[in-house]
Amino acid sequence: MQGASSESSELLVIEPSSPWRAIDLGEAWRYRELLYFFVWRDVKVRYKQTFLGVIWAVLQPLFAMLIFAFFFGRVVRVPSDGIPYALFAYAGLLPWTFFSNATTSGAQSLVGSASLVTKVYFPRILIPVAAVLTGLVDFALAALMLGPLLIVHRTAPAAGALLWIPVTIGIELLLAFGFSIWLSALVARYRDLRHVVPFAVQIWLFATPIIYPLSMVPARWRPFVALNPMVGVVEAFRRSLFGRPVETEPLLWATLFALLLVVSGSIYFRRVERMVADVL
């Protein structure tokens, strides 16, 4: 009798899916180790062969704060709701810098990984998600500068910040995911949008109460300004940090807007994913 041993192997069959189907979360979860690799790769590439390394993550919002503090705090004397202007500006720049960097990087991520996308199969949604999570690393490093700034201005963070700040960052993550998913798919199809996104983000900065308080906006215009989802995020982050009451309505709107972006962006991304290897 001749014995034979057989080895079983898994066979992955890739079939076309419905164009109106959202992202397969189960499949994305199975590739979670690849997501970690993408994030680690992006972090290393960003600071590889740089003179100051990860310090650049701190210098970007810090230099912006110094410029704003001089021109708007001392020259123009923009009010800051009783908060030292340097702290006021930095507390607004922290969440904004994370959002702007994550959105801009996420928009370019799919095109930037064309050589990988066209050769190996994996859930393409991991690429813009990794770009956003890489921005979260920069945010964590830049947030360390808050400690020395609070000490210099003899200001203690409010106890409520421990509750509201993680909630605010979670909502901002959803917003960044939504915009990155949408923009990465759009840029993959319409390459000229890669030049529009950074310009639009720069204009968006001045439509968000970062260098000026929301109280400066006339009351009749505030409902329109509040349609900007980053208004609720920046205001909640700043108010919770300095012990001011947090308005929940703008945060609820930002959350709803973020969820709509993520769901609709996932469906559109799924449609583009079917042809992404051909258009890149």
Foldseek 3Di string as FASTA:
>chain_A
DDDDDDDDDDDDDDDADDLQDFDDVVQVVVCVVVLVVLLVVVLCVVQPPDPVGLCVLQVVLLVVLVVLCCCVCPVVNFDQPPDNLSLLQSLLVLLLVLLLQLLLCLLCQLVVCLVVLLPDDGPSLSRSLSSSVNSVVSSVVNVVVSVVVCVVVVAAFDPQLVPQVVVLVVLSSLQSSLSSLQNNLVCLQPVVCSVVSNVVSVVVVVLEQNSHDPVVDDPVCSVVSLLPLVNLSSQSSSCNRRVHDRDCVSVVSSNVVSVVSNRVSRSNSSNSSVCSSPSD
